[in-house]
Amino acid sequence: MEVRNGQFHVLDSVMVTVTRLDTWMIHKGQMVDLDRMNSFTLQIISGETRMKAPDLTALLNQYLFPHAKAPIGNITVTFEGGTVVVKGQLHKAIDIPFEGKGAVSIADDSDILLRFTEFKVAGVLKKGLLDALGIKLASVAQPAKQSRFHIEGDDIILPIAALFPPPRVAGKLTTVRIDGAEWCRSSVPLTQR
């Protein structure tokens, strides 16, 4: 399948803009059925996709965090000068507000890394103080289903295969960046190096 300048609704309220996409639709023991997204995997040959901050916000709140059973919610994502700004609530005995700013990069061939450079909890506890106290995001916000995403220290690791609802996507990430008001990803197959 080849797509140029298309738009995919991955959820009713979430749109991914496809600048270009060359992919194989690999069936899962049955005929590919576009009405049954679990019937195939998209094996990416090459491509570039873009996502606006409101779409990423909706994807995290409506799909990723609930499916990962993460103690995080009411997330708002914005992009500022090449960085990601995240505001939300940490669900513990009470809801605790937090906000952070970080950079995105590739963790490995198929994972996106969000590394927080600034972090504030309850409006007062800043990253430097939390670090000095030995408190890391991983110790308070780790999801129950770590196959969806997991946290290492203060870094969030997002496997691209679990980030979106079906169909599943397989391929190697080559770049991830913030470009103005959009989050951009480029991919090539896992077999290319």
N, C-alpha and C. Protein backbone atom coordinates (compact mmCIF):
# COMPACT_ATOMS: atom_id res chain seq x y z
N MET A 1 0.85 -1.16 0.00
CA MET A 1 0.00 0.00 0.00
C MET A 1 0.90 1.23 0.00
N GLU A 2 0.56 2.21 -0.82
CA GLU A 2 1.27 3.48 -0.84
C GLU A 2 0.28 4.60 -0.53
N VAL A 3 0.71 5.51 0.34
CA VAL A 3 -0.13 6.65 0.70
C VAL A 3 0.74 7.90 0.59
N ARG A 4 0.18 8.94 0.00
CA ARG A 4 0.84 10.24 -0.06
C ARG A 4 -0.14 11.29 0.40
N ASN A 5 0.27 12.11 1.36
CA ASN A 5 -0.55 13.21 1.86
C ASN A 5 -1.95 12.76 2.25
N GLY A 6 -2.00 11.71 3.06
CA GLY A 6 -3.28 11.18 3.53
C GLY A 6 -3.49 11.46 5.00
N GLN A 7 -4.68 11.15 5.48
CA GLN A 7 -4.99 11.30 6.89
C GLN A 7 -5.68 10.03 7.36
N PHE A 8 -5.19 9.48 8.47
CA PHE A 8 -5.77 8.29 9.07
C PHE A 8 -6.40 8.67 10.39
N HIS A 9 -7.64 8.23 10.60
CA HIS A 9 -8.30 8.38 11.90
C HIS A 9 -7.97 7.12 12.70
N VAL A 10 -7.02 7.23 13.64
CA VAL A 10 -6.67 6.07 14.45
C VAL A 10 -7.67 5.87 15.59
N LEU A 11 -8.33 6.93 16.00
CA LEU A 11 -9.49 6.92 16.88
C LEU A 11 -10.43 7.97 16.31
N ASP A 12 -11.67 7.99 16.75
CA ASP A 12 -12.61 8.99 16.24
C ASP A 12 -12.07 10.41 16.39
N SER A 13 -11.37 10.67 17.48
CA SER A 13 -10.89 12.03 17.75
C SER A 13 -9.38 12.19 17.54
N VAL A 14 -8.73 11.20 16.92
CA VAL A 14 -7.27 11.25 16.74
C VAL A 14 -6.93 11.04 15.27
N MET A 15 -6.24 12.03 14.71
CA MET A 15 -5.85 11.98 13.31
C MET A 15 -4.32 11.97 13.19
N VAL A 16 -3.82 11.09 12.32
CA VAL A 16 -2.41 11.06 11.97
C VAL A 16 -2.31 11.47 10.51
N THR A 17 -1.49 12.46 10.23
CA THR A 17 -1.25 12.88 8.85
C THR A 17 -0.10 12.07 8.30
N VAL A 18 -0.31 11.47 7.15
CA VAL A 18 0.70 10.64 6.51
C VAL A 18 1.28 11.44 5.34
N THR A 19 2.50 11.93 5.51
CA THR A 19 3.18 12.64 4.44
C THR A 19 3.46 11.67 3.30
N ARG A 20 4.01 10.53 3.67
CA ARG A 20 4.24 9.44 2.71
C ARG A 20 4.34 8.15 3.50
N LEU A 21 3.88 7.07 2.87
CA LEU A 21 3.92 5.76 3.52
C LEU A 21 3.94 4.68 2.46
N ASP A 22 4.94 3.83 2.54
CA ASP A 22 5.02 2.62 1.73
C ASP A 22 5.02 1.46 2.72
N THR A 23 4.03 0.58 2.60
CA THR A 23 3.89 -0.47 3.60
C THR A 23 3.29 -1.73 3.00
N TRP A 24 3.60 -2.84 3.59
CA TRP A 24 2.93 -4.11 3.29
C TRP A 24 1.85 -4.31 4.32
N MET A 25 0.73 -4.83 3.90
CA MET A 25 -0.33 -5.23 4.83
C MET A 25 -0.19 -6.74 4.99
N ILE A 26 0.30 -7.18 6.14
CA ILE A 26 0.57 -8.59 6.40
C ILE A 26 -0.62 -9.19 7.14
N HIS A 27 -1.26 -10.20 6.53
CA HIS A 27 -2.44 -10.80 7.16
C HIS A 27 -2.03 -11.69 8.32
N LYS A 28 -2.96 -11.92 9.21
CA LYS A 28 -2.72 -12.75 10.40
C LYS A 28 -3.52 -14.04 10.27
N GLY A 29 -3.19 -14.86 9.29
CA GLY A 29 -3.85 -16.14 9.12
C GLY A 29 -5.23 -16.06 8.50
N GLN A 30 -5.62 -14.90 8.04
CA GLN A 30 -6.92 -14.71 7.42
C GLN A 30 -6.78 -13.60 6.39
N MET A 31 -7.77 -13.41 5.58
CA MET A 31 -7.71 -12.37 4.57
C MET A 31 -7.70 -10.99 5.25
N VAL A 32 -6.92 -10.07 4.69
CA VAL A 32 -6.91 -8.71 5.22
C VAL A 32 -8.31 -8.11 5.04
N ASP A 33 -8.84 -7.58 6.14
CA ASP A 33 -10.17 -6.96 6.13
C ASP A 33 -10.01 -5.58 6.75
N LEU A 34 -10.17 -4.53 5.95
CA LEU A 34 -9.97 -3.17 6.44
C LEU A 34 -10.97 -2.78 7.52
N ASP A 35 -12.06 -3.51 7.65
CA ASP A 35 -13.03 -3.25 8.72
C ASP A 35 -12.65 -3.97 10.01
N ARG A 36 -11.67 -4.87 9.92
CA ARG A 36 -11.18 -5.61 11.11
C ARG A 36 -9.70 -5.31 11.25
N MET A 37 -9.39 -4.28 12.00
CA MET A 37 -8.01 -3.81 12.11
C MET A 37 -7.07 -4.82 12.75
N ASN A 38 -7.61 -5.80 13.47
CA ASN A 38 -6.76 -6.85 14.06
C ASN A 38 -6.40 -7.93 13.05
N SER A 39 -6.91 -7.84 11.82
CA SER A 39 -6.66 -8.89 10.82
C SER A 39 -5.34 -8.72 10.09
N PHE A 40 -4.61 -7.62 10.37
CA PHE A 40 -3.34 -7.41 9.66
C PHE A 40 -2.40 -6.52 10.47
N THR A 41 -1.14 -6.57 10.06
CA THR A 41 -0.09 -5.69 10.59
C THR A 41 0.44 -4.87 9.43
N LEU A 42 0.75 -3.61 9.70
CA LEU A 42 1.39 -2.78 8.69
C LEU A 42 2.90 -2.91 8.85
N GLN A 43 3.55 -3.55 7.89
CA GLN A 43 5.01 -3.68 7.88
C GLN A 43 5.55 -2.51 7.07
N ILE A 44 6.10 -1.51 7.76
CA ILE A 44 6.52 -0.27 7.12
C ILE A 44 7.78 -0.51 6.30
N ILE A 45 7.73 -0.10 5.04
CA ILE A 45 8.91 -0.10 4.18
C ILE A 45 9.62 1.23 4.38
N SER A 46 8.90 2.33 4.23
CA SER A 46 9.41 3.66 4.56
C SER A 46 8.21 4.58 4.73
N GLY A 47 8.43 5.69 5.39
CA GLY A 47 7.33 6.61 5.55
C GLY A 47 7.64 7.74 6.50
N GLU A 48 6.74 8.72 6.53
CA GLU A 48 6.81 9.81 7.48
C GLU A 48 5.39 10.17 7.86
N THR A 49 5.16 10.28 9.17
CA THR A 49 3.85 10.66 9.68
C THR A 49 4.01 11.87 10.59
N ARG A 50 2.90 12.59 10.76
CA ARG A 50 2.88 13.77 11.61
C ARG A 50 1.64 13.71 12.49
N MET A 51 1.79 14.25 13.69
CA MET A 51 0.66 14.28 14.61
C MET A 51 0.68 15.60 15.37
N LYS A 52 -0.44 16.25 15.43
CA LYS A 52 -0.57 17.51 16.16
C LYS A 52 -0.73 17.23 17.66
N ALA A 53 -0.37 18.19 18.47
CA ALA A 53 -0.42 18.03 19.92
C ALA A 53 -1.81 17.65 20.44
N PRO A 54 -2.91 18.25 19.96
CA PRO A 54 -4.23 17.83 20.46
C PRO A 54 -4.55 16.36 20.13
N ASP A 55 -4.07 15.88 18.98
CA ASP A 55 -4.28 14.48 18.63
C ASP A 55 -3.47 13.56 19.54
N LEU A 56 -2.22 13.96 19.84
CA LEU A 56 -1.39 13.17 20.75
C LEU A 56 -2.01 13.17 22.15
N THR A 57 -2.53 14.30 22.58
CA THR A 57 -3.21 14.39 23.88
C THR A 57 -4.37 13.40 23.94
N ALA A 58 -5.22 13.41 22.91
CA ALA A 58 -6.37 12.50 22.88
C ALA A 58 -5.93 11.04 22.83
N LEU A 59 -4.89 10.73 22.06
CA LEU A 59 -4.39 9.36 21.97
C LEU A 59 -3.92 8.86 23.34
N LEU A 60 -3.18 9.69 24.06
CA LEU A 60 -2.68 9.29 25.38
C LEU A 60 -3.82 9.10 26.37
N ASN A 61 -4.77 10.05 26.42
CA ASN A 61 -5.86 9.99 27.39
C ASN A 61 -6.89 8.91 27.08
N GLN A 62 -7.20 8.71 25.80
CA GLN A 62 -8.27 7.79 25.43
C GLN A 62 -7.79 6.37 25.16
N TYR A 63 -6.51 6.21 24.79
CA TYR A 63 -6.06 4.88 24.41
C TYR A 63 -4.88 4.39 25.24
N LEU A 64 -3.75 5.08 25.16
CA LEU A 64 -2.52 4.52 25.74
C LEU A 64 -2.59 4.38 27.26
N PHE A 65 -2.89 5.44 28.00
CA PHE A 65 -2.86 5.37 29.46
C PHE A 65 -3.92 4.42 30.01
N PRO A 66 -5.16 4.43 29.51
CA PRO A 66 -6.13 3.44 30.02
C PRO A 66 -5.73 2.00 29.73
N HIS A 67 -5.22 1.72 28.52
CA HIS A 67 -4.82 0.34 28.18
C HIS A 67 -3.57 -0.10 28.94
N ALA A 68 -2.71 0.86 29.30
CA ALA A 68 -1.51 0.53 30.07
C ALA A 68 -1.79 0.45 31.56
N LYS A 69 -3.00 0.86 31.96
CA LYS A 69 -3.37 0.92 33.37
C LYS A 69 -2.35 1.76 34.14
N ALA A 70 -2.12 2.96 33.59
CA ALA A 70 -1.15 3.88 34.18
C ALA A 70 -1.84 4.80 35.19
N PRO A 71 -1.13 5.14 36.27
CA PRO A 71 -1.70 6.04 37.27
C PRO A 71 -1.56 7.51 36.86
N ILE A 72 -1.70 7.76 35.56
CA ILE A 72 -1.54 9.10 34.98
C ILE A 72 -2.81 9.40 34.20
N GLY A 73 -3.28 10.65 34.26
CA GLY A 73 -4.47 11.01 33.50
C GLY A 73 -4.60 12.50 33.30
N ASN A 74 -5.66 12.86 32.60
CA ASN A 74 -5.94 14.27 32.30
C ASN A 74 -4.73 14.98 31.72
N ILE A 75 -4.07 14.31 30.79
CA ILE A 75 -2.84 14.82 30.18
C ILE A 75 -3.18 15.87 29.13
N THR A 76 -2.36 16.90 29.08
CA THR A 76 -2.38 17.87 27.99
C THR A 76 -0.96 17.97 27.45
N VAL A 77 -0.82 17.80 26.14
CA VAL A 77 0.48 17.89 25.49
C VAL A 77 0.50 19.11 24.60
N THR A 78 1.58 19.89 24.69
CA THR A 78 1.82 20.99 23.76
C THR A 78 3.27 20.90 23.30
N PHE A 79 3.56 21.55 22.18
CA PHE A 79 4.92 21.59 21.64
C PHE A 79 5.40 23.03 21.68
N GLU A 80 6.60 23.22 22.23
CA GLU A 80 7.18 24.56 22.34
C GLU A 80 8.64 24.52 21.94
N GLY A 81 8.96 25.16 20.83
CA GLY A 81 10.37 25.29 20.44
C GLY A 81 11.14 23.99 20.38
N GLY A 82 10.55 22.96 19.83
CA GLY A 82 11.25 21.68 19.71
C GLY A 82 11.18 20.79 20.93
N THR A 83 10.42 21.21 21.95
CA THR A 83 10.27 20.38 23.14
C THR A 83 8.81 20.00 23.34
N VAL A 84 8.59 18.99 24.15
CA VAL A 84 7.26 18.53 24.50
C VAL A 84 6.95 19.02 25.91
N VAL A 85 5.80 19.64 26.08
CA VAL A 85 5.35 20.08 27.40
C VAL A 85 4.15 19.22 27.78
N VAL A 86 4.24 18.56 28.93
CA VAL A 86 3.19 17.64 29.38
C VAL A 86 2.67 18.13 30.73
N LYS A 87 1.35 18.27 30.83
CA LYS A 87 0.71 18.60 32.10
C LYS A 87 -0.35 17.53 32.35
N GLY A 88 -0.51 17.14 33.60
CA GLY A 88 -1.51 16.13 33.90
C GLY A 88 -1.65 15.90 35.38
N GLN A 89 -2.22 14.74 35.70
CA GLN A 89 -2.42 14.37 37.09
C GLN A 89 -1.89 12.97 37.34
N LEU A 90 -1.25 12.83 38.46
CA LEU A 90 -0.78 11.54 38.94
C LEU A 90 -1.82 11.04 39.93
N HIS A 91 -2.42 9.87 39.65
CA HIS A 91 -3.47 9.33 40.50
C HIS A 91 -2.83 8.46 41.60
N LYS A 92 -2.81 8.97 42.79
CA LYS A 92 -2.37 8.21 43.96
C LYS A 92 -3.55 8.23 44.94
N ALA A 93 -3.32 8.42 46.21
CA ALA A 93 -4.44 8.51 47.16
C ALA A 93 -5.32 9.71 46.80
N ILE A 94 -4.68 10.76 46.29
CA ILE A 94 -5.38 11.91 45.74
C ILE A 94 -4.75 12.22 44.38
N ASP A 95 -5.42 13.03 43.56
CA ASP A 95 -4.85 13.42 42.28
C ASP A 95 -3.84 14.54 42.52
N ILE A 96 -2.61 14.32 42.05
CA ILE A 96 -1.52 15.27 42.24
C ILE A 96 -1.15 15.86 40.88
N PRO A 97 -1.24 17.19 40.72
CA PRO A 97 -0.89 17.78 39.43
C PRO A 97 0.62 17.74 39.20
N PHE A 98 1.00 17.57 37.93
CA PHE A 98 2.41 17.62 37.56
C PHE A 98 2.53 18.29 36.20
N GLU A 99 3.72 18.77 35.92
CA GLU A 99 4.03 19.26 34.59
C GLU A 99 5.51 19.03 34.33
N GLY A 100 5.82 18.80 33.08
CA GLY A 100 7.19 18.56 32.70
C GLY A 100 7.46 19.01 31.29
N LYS A 101 8.73 19.20 31.01
CA LYS A 101 9.17 19.60 29.68
C LYS A 101 10.33 18.68 29.31
N GLY A 102 10.30 18.20 28.06
CA GLY A 102 11.36 17.29 27.67
C GLY A 102 11.58 17.23 26.18
N ALA A 103 12.53 16.41 25.80
CA ALA A 103 12.90 16.23 24.39
C ALA A 103 12.57 14.81 23.97
N VAL A 104 12.25 14.64 22.68
CA VAL A 104 11.99 13.31 22.14
C VAL A 104 13.17 12.86 21.29
N SER A 105 13.41 11.56 21.33
CA SER A 105 14.44 10.95 20.50
C SER A 105 14.08 9.47 20.34
N ILE A 106 14.96 8.73 19.71
CA ILE A 106 14.73 7.30 19.53
C ILE A 106 15.48 6.54 20.61
N ALA A 107 14.77 5.66 21.33
CA ALA A 107 15.39 4.85 22.37
C ALA A 107 16.10 3.65 21.76
N ASP A 108 15.48 3.03 20.80
CA ASP A 108 16.10 1.97 20.00
C ASP A 108 15.36 1.95 18.67
N ASP A 109 15.46 0.90 17.92
CA ASP A 109 14.88 0.87 16.57
C ASP A 109 13.38 1.12 16.53
N SER A 110 12.67 0.79 17.61
CA SER A 110 11.21 0.87 17.53
C SER A 110 10.57 1.52 18.75
N ASP A 111 11.35 2.26 19.53
CA ASP A 111 10.83 2.94 20.71
C ASP A 111 11.13 4.43 20.65
N ILE A 112 10.17 5.21 21.13
CA ILE A 112 10.37 6.65 21.26
C ILE A 112 10.70 6.95 22.72
N LEU A 113 11.67 7.82 22.93
CA LEU A 113 12.11 8.20 24.27
C LEU A 113 11.68 9.64 24.53
N LEU A 114 10.97 9.86 25.62
CA LEU A 114 10.67 11.21 26.11
C LEU A 114 11.50 11.41 27.37
N ARG A 115 12.52 12.27 27.26
CA ARG A 115 13.42 12.54 28.39
C ARG A 115 13.07 13.89 28.99
N PHE A 116 12.60 13.86 30.24
CA PHE A 116 12.23 15.09 30.92
C PHE A 116 13.48 15.83 31.37
N THR A 117 13.57 17.11 31.02
CA THR A 117 14.65 17.97 31.46
C THR A 117 14.19 18.88 32.60
N GLU A 118 12.87 19.10 32.65
CA GLU A 118 12.26 19.87 33.73
C GLU A 118 11.03 19.09 34.20
N PHE A 119 10.79 19.14 35.51
CA PHE A 119 9.64 18.43 36.05
C PHE A 119 9.23 19.11 37.34
N LYS A 120 7.93 19.23 37.55
CA LYS A 120 7.42 19.85 38.76
C LYS A 120 6.19 19.08 39.21
N VAL A 121 6.11 18.75 40.50
CA VAL A 121 4.97 18.02 41.06
C VAL A 121 4.30 18.92 42.09
N ALA A 122 2.97 18.95 42.03
CA ALA A 122 2.16 19.75 42.96
C ALA A 122 2.54 21.22 42.92
N GLY A 123 3.12 21.66 41.83
CA GLY A 123 3.45 23.07 41.65
C GLY A 123 4.68 23.54 42.39
N VAL A 124 5.27 22.69 43.25
CA VAL A 124 6.40 23.16 44.06
C VAL A 124 7.62 22.25 44.01
N LEU A 125 7.42 20.95 43.99
CA LEU A 125 8.55 20.03 44.01
C LEU A 125 9.15 19.93 42.61
N LYS A 126 10.36 20.46 42.46
CA LYS A 126 11.00 20.49 41.14
C LYS A 126 11.93 19.30 40.97
N LYS A 127 12.29 19.05 39.69
CA LYS A 127 13.11 17.89 39.33
C LYS A 127 14.40 17.81 40.15
N GLY A 128 15.09 18.92 40.34
CA GLY A 128 16.34 18.90 41.10
C GLY A 128 16.14 18.41 42.52
N LEU A 129 15.09 18.87 43.18
CA LEU A 129 14.80 18.44 44.55
C LEU A 129 14.37 16.97 44.56
N LEU A 130 13.52 16.58 43.60
CA LEU A 130 13.10 15.19 43.52
C LEU A 130 14.30 14.28 43.29
N ASP A 131 15.22 14.69 42.41
CA ASP A 131 16.44 13.91 42.17
C ASP A 131 17.26 13.79 43.46
N ALA A 132 17.40 14.91 44.18
CA ALA A 132 18.16 14.89 45.43
C ALA A 132 17.54 13.97 46.47
N LEU A 133 16.20 13.87 46.44
CA LEU A 133 15.51 12.98 47.38
C LEU A 133 15.47 11.54 46.87
N GLY A 134 15.98 11.31 45.66
CA GLY A 134 15.98 9.97 45.09
C GLY A 134 14.63 9.54 44.55
N ILE A 135 13.74 10.50 44.30
CA ILE A 135 12.40 10.18 43.79
C ILE A 135 12.41 10.32 42.27
N LYS A 136 12.15 9.23 41.59
CA LYS A 136 12.10 9.21 40.14
C LYS A 136 10.67 8.95 39.68
N LEU A 137 10.37 9.42 38.48
CA LEU A 137 9.04 9.21 37.91
C LEU A 137 8.68 7.73 37.88
N ALA A 138 9.67 6.88 37.59
CA ALA A 138 9.43 5.43 37.50
C ALA A 138 8.88 4.87 38.81
N SER A 139 9.27 5.43 39.93
CA SER A 139 8.84 4.88 41.22
C SER A 139 7.40 5.26 41.58
N VAL A 140 6.84 6.28 40.93
CA VAL A 140 5.49 6.71 41.28
C VAL A 140 4.48 6.61 40.15
N ALA A 141 4.94 6.41 38.90
CA ALA A 141 4.00 6.46 37.78
C ALA A 141 4.10 5.27 36.83
N GLN A 142 4.77 4.20 37.22
CA GLN A 142 4.95 3.04 36.33
C GLN A 142 3.59 2.41 36.01
N PRO A 143 3.30 2.17 34.72
CA PRO A 143 2.03 1.54 34.37
C PRO A 143 2.02 0.06 34.76
N ALA A 144 0.83 -0.49 34.96
CA ALA A 144 0.69 -1.92 35.28
C ALA A 144 1.08 -2.77 34.07
N LYS A 145 0.71 -2.34 32.87
CA LYS A 145 1.05 -3.08 31.64
C LYS A 145 2.23 -2.39 30.97
N GLN A 146 3.43 -2.83 31.31
CA GLN A 146 4.62 -2.17 30.80
C GLN A 146 4.93 -2.51 29.35
N SER A 147 4.16 -3.41 28.74
CA SER A 147 4.33 -3.66 27.30
C SER A 147 3.79 -2.48 26.49
N ARG A 148 2.89 -1.69 27.07
CA ARG A 148 2.34 -0.51 26.40
C ARG A 148 3.33 0.65 26.41
N PHE A 149 3.90 0.91 27.57
CA PHE A 149 5.00 1.86 27.73
C PHE A 149 5.58 1.62 29.11
N HIS A 150 6.80 2.08 29.34
CA HIS A 150 7.38 1.96 30.67
C HIS A 150 8.26 3.17 30.95
N ILE A 151 8.61 3.31 32.20
CA ILE A 151 9.38 4.46 32.64
C ILE A 151 10.68 3.95 33.25
N GLU A 152 11.78 4.55 32.81
CA GLU A 152 13.11 4.27 33.36
C GLU A 152 13.64 5.55 33.96
N GLY A 153 13.75 5.61 35.28
CA GLY A 153 14.15 6.86 35.94
C GLY A 153 13.08 7.91 35.69
N ASP A 154 13.45 8.97 34.96
CA ASP A 154 12.50 10.01 34.57
C ASP A 154 12.22 9.99 33.07
N ASP A 155 12.62 8.92 32.39
CA ASP A 155 12.42 8.79 30.95
C ASP A 155 11.24 7.87 30.65
N ILE A 156 10.39 8.31 29.73
CA ILE A 156 9.26 7.49 29.30
C ILE A 156 9.63 6.83 27.98
N ILE A 157 9.51 5.51 27.90
CA ILE A 157 9.81 4.73 26.71
C ILE A 157 8.49 4.29 26.09
N LEU A 158 8.25 4.72 24.86
CA LEU A 158 6.99 4.44 24.15
C LEU A 158 7.27 3.51 22.97
N PRO A 159 6.97 2.20 23.08
CA PRO A 159 7.13 1.32 21.93
C PRO A 159 6.13 1.69 20.84
N ILE A 160 6.61 1.94 19.64
CA ILE A 160 5.74 2.40 18.57
C ILE A 160 4.66 1.36 18.25
N ALA A 161 4.96 0.08 18.43
CA ALA A 161 3.99 -0.98 18.13
C ALA A 161 2.79 -0.94 19.07
N ALA A 162 2.95 -0.39 20.28
CA ALA A 162 1.86 -0.37 21.25
C ALA A 162 1.24 1.02 21.43
N LEU A 163 1.81 2.02 20.79
CA LEU A 163 1.35 3.40 20.97
C LEU A 163 -0.03 3.64 20.37
N PHE A 164 -0.31 2.99 19.24
CA PHE A 164 -1.56 3.20 18.52
C PHE A 164 -2.45 1.97 18.60
N PRO A 165 -3.76 2.16 18.44
CA PRO A 165 -4.66 1.01 18.35
C PRO A 165 -4.40 0.25 17.04
N PRO A 166 -4.93 -0.99 16.93
CA PRO A 166 -4.73 -1.75 15.69
C PRO A 166 -5.19 -0.96 14.46
N PRO A 167 -4.55 -1.22 13.32
CA PRO A 167 -3.61 -2.31 13.08
C PRO A 167 -2.26 -2.02 13.70
N ARG A 168 -1.57 -3.09 14.08
CA ARG A 168 -0.23 -2.97 14.64
C ARG A 168 0.72 -2.51 13.54
N VAL A 169 1.79 -1.84 13.96
CA VAL A 169 2.78 -1.30 13.04
C VAL A 169 4.12 -1.91 13.37
N ALA A 170 4.84 -2.36 12.35
CA ALA A 170 6.19 -2.88 12.54
C ALA A 170 7.12 -2.11 11.60
N GLY A 171 8.27 -1.74 12.08
CA GLY A 171 9.24 -1.01 11.28
C GLY A 171 10.28 -0.40 12.19
N LYS A 172 11.33 0.11 11.59
CA LYS A 172 12.42 0.73 12.34
C LYS A 172 12.26 2.24 12.29
N LEU A 173 12.29 2.88 13.44
CA LEU A 173 12.25 4.33 13.50
C LEU A 173 13.62 4.88 13.10
N THR A 174 13.63 5.92 12.28
CA THR A 174 14.89 6.56 11.94
C THR A 174 14.99 7.96 12.54
N THR A 175 13.87 8.65 12.69
CA THR A 175 13.87 9.96 13.34
C THR A 175 12.53 10.17 14.05
N VAL A 176 12.59 10.97 15.08
CA VAL A 176 11.39 11.48 15.74
C VAL A 176 11.75 12.88 16.19
N ARG A 177 10.88 13.85 15.90
CA ARG A 177 11.22 15.23 16.22
C ARG A 177 9.95 16.06 16.36
N ILE A 178 10.11 17.21 16.99
CA ILE A 178 9.04 18.19 17.05
C ILE A 178 9.34 19.21 15.96
N ASP A 179 8.38 19.39 15.07
CA ASP A 179 8.54 20.29 13.93
C ASP A 179 7.40 21.30 13.99
N GLY A 180 7.66 22.46 14.62
CA GLY A 180 6.61 23.45 14.80
C GLY A 180 5.54 22.91 15.72
N ALA A 181 4.32 22.75 15.20
CA ALA A 181 3.20 22.28 16.00
C ALA A 181 2.93 20.80 15.81
N GLU A 182 3.90 20.04 15.23
CA GLU A 182 3.66 18.64 14.95
C GLU A 182 4.81 17.76 15.44
N TRP A 183 4.43 16.53 15.76
CA TRP A 183 5.37 15.49 16.14
C TRP A 183 5.56 14.63 14.90
N CYS A 184 6.79 14.48 14.42
CA CYS A 184 7.06 13.78 13.17
C CYS A 184 7.86 12.51 13.44
N ARG A 185 7.50 11.45 12.70
CA ARG A 185 8.21 10.18 12.79
C ARG A 185 8.55 9.72 11.40
N SER A 186 9.73 9.15 11.24
CA SER A 186 10.12 8.53 9.98
C SER A 186 10.51 7.09 10.27
N SER A 187 10.20 6.20 9.34
CA SER A 187 10.44 4.78 9.57
C SER A 187 11.00 4.12 8.33
N VAL A 188 11.75 3.07 8.58
CA VAL A 188 12.17 2.12 7.54
C VAL A 188 11.96 0.74 8.13
N PRO A 189 12.06 -0.34 7.33
CA PRO A 189 11.80 -1.66 7.88
C PRO A 189 12.77 -2.07 8.97
N LEU A 190 12.33 -2.97 9.83
CA LEU A 190 13.20 -3.49 10.88
C LEU A 190 14.43 -4.18 10.30
N THR A 191 14.31 -4.73 9.11
CA THR A 191 15.42 -5.48 8.52
C THR A 191 16.48 -4.56 7.91
N GLN A 192 16.19 -3.29 7.68
CA GLN A 192 17.19 -2.37 7.13
C GLN A 192 18.01 -1.80 8.26
N ARG A 193 19.29 -1.64 8.06
CA ARG A 193 20.19 -1.05 9.06
C ARG A 193 20.99 0.06 8.45
